[in-house]
Each structure stands twice: as structure tokens, then as C-alpha cells.
N, C-alpha and C. Protein backbone atom coordinates (compact mmCIF):
# COMPACT_ATOMS: atom_id res chain seq x y z
N GLU A 1 15.78 -18.35 1.53
CA GLU A 1 16.59 -17.45 0.73
C GLU A 1 15.70 -16.43 0.01
N LYS A 2 14.82 -15.85 0.74
CA LYS A 2 14.00 -14.79 0.16
C LYS A 2 14.77 -13.48 0.21
N ASN A 3 14.58 -12.67 -0.81
CA ASN A 3 15.17 -11.33 -0.85
C ASN A 3 16.68 -11.35 -0.65
N GLY A 4 17.36 -12.27 -1.27
CA GLY A 4 18.82 -12.31 -1.15
C GLY A 4 19.30 -12.49 0.27
N ASN A 5 18.75 -13.45 0.99
CA ASN A 5 19.09 -13.76 2.38
C ASN A 5 18.69 -12.67 3.37
N GLN A 6 17.86 -11.73 2.97
CA GLN A 6 17.35 -10.72 3.89
C GLN A 6 15.95 -11.14 4.33
N ALA A 7 15.61 -10.81 5.56
CA ALA A 7 14.30 -11.18 6.09
C ALA A 7 13.21 -10.40 5.35
N PRO A 8 12.06 -11.01 5.12
CA PRO A 8 10.95 -10.30 4.47
C PRO A 8 10.51 -9.09 5.29
N VAL A 9 10.10 -8.04 4.61
CA VAL A 9 9.66 -6.82 5.27
C VAL A 9 8.54 -7.10 6.26
N ALA A 10 7.64 -8.02 5.93
CA ALA A 10 6.50 -8.31 6.80
C ALA A 10 6.94 -8.74 8.20
N ASP A 11 8.12 -9.33 8.33
CA ASP A 11 8.61 -9.73 9.65
C ASP A 11 8.86 -8.54 10.57
N TYR A 12 9.06 -7.36 10.00
CA TYR A 12 9.40 -6.18 10.79
C TYR A 12 8.23 -5.24 11.02
N ILE A 13 7.08 -5.49 10.39
CA ILE A 13 5.95 -4.57 10.51
C ILE A 13 5.35 -4.66 11.91
N ASP A 14 5.31 -3.50 12.58
CA ASP A 14 4.71 -3.41 13.90
C ASP A 14 3.27 -2.92 13.79
N ASP A 15 3.00 -2.01 12.85
CA ASP A 15 1.66 -1.47 12.69
C ASP A 15 1.48 -1.00 11.25
N LEU A 16 0.30 -1.22 10.71
CA LEU A 16 -0.03 -0.80 9.35
C LEU A 16 -1.43 -0.21 9.38
N ARG A 17 -1.56 1.06 8.97
CA ARG A 17 -2.85 1.75 9.03
C ARG A 17 -3.19 2.37 7.69
N PHE A 18 -4.47 2.36 7.35
CA PHE A 18 -4.98 3.00 6.13
C PHE A 18 -6.03 4.01 6.56
N GLU A 19 -5.97 5.21 5.99
CA GLU A 19 -6.94 6.25 6.33
C GLU A 19 -7.39 6.96 5.05
N GLN A 20 -8.69 7.02 4.83
CA GLN A 20 -9.23 7.71 3.66
C GLN A 20 -9.20 9.20 3.92
N MET A 21 -8.60 9.95 3.01
CA MET A 21 -8.49 11.39 3.10
C MET A 21 -9.36 12.02 2.02
N PRO A 22 -9.62 13.32 2.11
CA PRO A 22 -10.42 13.99 1.08
C PRO A 22 -9.75 13.90 -0.29
N GLY A 23 -10.54 13.97 -1.34
CA GLY A 23 -10.00 14.00 -2.70
C GLY A 23 -9.56 12.65 -3.22
N GLY A 24 -10.04 11.55 -2.64
CA GLY A 24 -9.67 10.23 -3.12
C GLY A 24 -8.29 9.78 -2.70
N ILE A 25 -7.69 10.44 -1.72
CA ILE A 25 -6.36 10.08 -1.23
C ILE A 25 -6.49 9.03 -0.14
N VAL A 26 -5.63 8.03 -0.16
CA VAL A 26 -5.55 7.04 0.91
C VAL A 26 -4.17 7.19 1.57
N LYS A 27 -4.17 7.51 2.85
CA LYS A 27 -2.93 7.66 3.61
C LYS A 27 -2.57 6.30 4.19
N ILE A 28 -1.32 5.89 4.01
CA ILE A 28 -0.86 4.60 4.51
C ILE A 28 0.29 4.86 5.48
N ASP A 29 0.13 4.45 6.73
CA ASP A 29 1.20 4.53 7.72
C ASP A 29 1.75 3.13 7.94
N LEU A 30 3.04 2.98 7.76
CA LEU A 30 3.71 1.70 7.95
C LEU A 30 4.80 1.92 9.00
N ILE A 31 4.66 1.27 10.14
CA ILE A 31 5.63 1.42 11.22
C ILE A 31 6.25 0.06 11.49
N VAL A 32 7.58 0.03 11.52
CA VAL A 32 8.28 -1.23 11.71
C VAL A 32 9.16 -1.19 12.96
N GLU A 33 9.35 -2.35 13.55
CA GLU A 33 10.25 -2.53 14.69
C GLU A 33 10.06 -1.49 15.79
N ASN A 34 8.85 -1.37 16.29
CA ASN A 34 8.57 -0.48 17.42
C ASN A 34 9.12 0.93 17.23
N ASN A 35 8.77 1.53 16.11
CA ASN A 35 9.12 2.91 15.79
C ASN A 35 10.59 3.14 15.47
N SER A 36 11.36 2.10 15.20
CA SER A 36 12.74 2.34 14.81
C SER A 36 12.80 2.99 13.43
N TYR A 37 11.81 2.68 12.60
CA TYR A 37 11.67 3.32 11.30
C TYR A 37 10.20 3.63 11.11
N GLU A 38 9.92 4.72 10.43
CA GLU A 38 8.54 5.05 10.12
C GLU A 38 8.47 5.48 8.67
N VAL A 39 7.56 4.89 7.95
CA VAL A 39 7.37 5.20 6.54
C VAL A 39 5.93 5.65 6.36
N LYS A 40 5.74 6.78 5.71
CA LYS A 40 4.38 7.25 5.43
C LYS A 40 4.23 7.38 3.92
N LEU A 41 3.20 6.78 3.40
CA LEU A 41 2.92 6.79 1.97
C LEU A 41 1.52 7.33 1.76
N SER A 42 1.30 7.95 0.61
CA SER A 42 -0.07 8.31 0.24
C SER A 42 -0.24 8.06 -1.25
N THR A 43 -1.43 7.71 -1.62
CA THR A 43 -1.72 7.44 -3.03
C THR A 43 -3.14 7.87 -3.32
N LYS A 44 -3.40 8.24 -4.54
CA LYS A 44 -4.74 8.64 -4.93
C LYS A 44 -5.42 7.46 -5.60
N ILE A 45 -6.62 7.16 -5.15
CA ILE A 45 -7.40 6.06 -5.70
C ILE A 45 -8.39 6.64 -6.70
N GLU A 46 -8.33 6.16 -7.93
CA GLU A 46 -9.26 6.61 -8.96
C GLU A 46 -9.94 5.40 -9.57
N PRO A 47 -11.19 5.55 -9.98
CA PRO A 47 -11.85 4.43 -10.65
C PRO A 47 -11.15 4.13 -11.97
N PRO A 48 -11.25 2.89 -12.44
CA PRO A 48 -10.60 2.55 -13.71
C PRO A 48 -11.21 3.34 -14.86
N ALA A 49 -10.39 3.60 -15.86
CA ALA A 49 -10.88 4.29 -17.06
C ALA A 49 -11.95 3.44 -17.71
N PRO A 50 -12.97 4.04 -18.31
CA PRO A 50 -14.05 3.25 -18.92
C PRO A 50 -13.55 2.21 -19.91
N GLU A 51 -12.52 2.52 -20.68
CA GLU A 51 -11.98 1.55 -21.66
C GLU A 51 -11.47 0.30 -20.96
N LYS A 52 -10.73 0.47 -19.87
CA LYS A 52 -10.17 -0.68 -19.14
C LYS A 52 -11.28 -1.51 -18.51
N ALA A 53 -12.29 -0.87 -17.96
CA ALA A 53 -13.40 -1.59 -17.34
C ALA A 53 -14.12 -2.45 -18.38
N LEU A 54 -14.31 -1.91 -19.58
CA LEU A 54 -14.99 -2.67 -20.63
C LEU A 54 -14.16 -3.87 -21.07
N LYS A 55 -12.84 -3.71 -21.16
CA LYS A 55 -11.96 -4.81 -21.56
C LYS A 55 -12.02 -5.94 -20.54
N LYS A 56 -12.05 -5.61 -19.25
CA LYS A 56 -12.11 -6.64 -18.21
C LYS A 56 -13.42 -7.41 -18.30
N GLU A 57 -14.52 -6.70 -18.56
CA GLU A 57 -15.82 -7.36 -18.66
C GLU A 57 -15.86 -8.31 -19.86
N ALA A 58 -15.13 -7.99 -20.92
CA ALA A 58 -15.12 -8.82 -22.12
C ALA A 58 -14.38 -10.14 -21.88
N LEU A 59 -13.48 -10.16 -20.90
CA LEU A 59 -12.72 -11.39 -20.61
C LEU A 59 -13.61 -12.35 -19.95
């Protein structure tokens, strides 16, 4: 009974690719069920702010 009786998304993934782009962008291609759906995502990866990095080290 995961996801309200719906199958988990991972069951439908046919291909998952990550590609580093200029400017700290990571392109994510997610293709499910043999191209029946295609989702393209991109996100910018930035290093943690110095304050956050210091807090983690203190733990």
C-alpha cells in the first residue's frame, strides 16, 4: 500500500541520466515506460554556505 495503492515511480523508470552542464547546472533526464513519458529536470548545484558547513562540522 505504498503511495495510496499506486505503484512506486521506480517501477516505471526505463532510463535515468545525469549530465553536468556549464555554470554548475546538472541536467537530469528521467524516461519511464519505454518513452511513454519523458521528464527533463535541471538544477543548479552550489556549495553549502560557509555558515551551514561550520554548523555541520560542530555536530
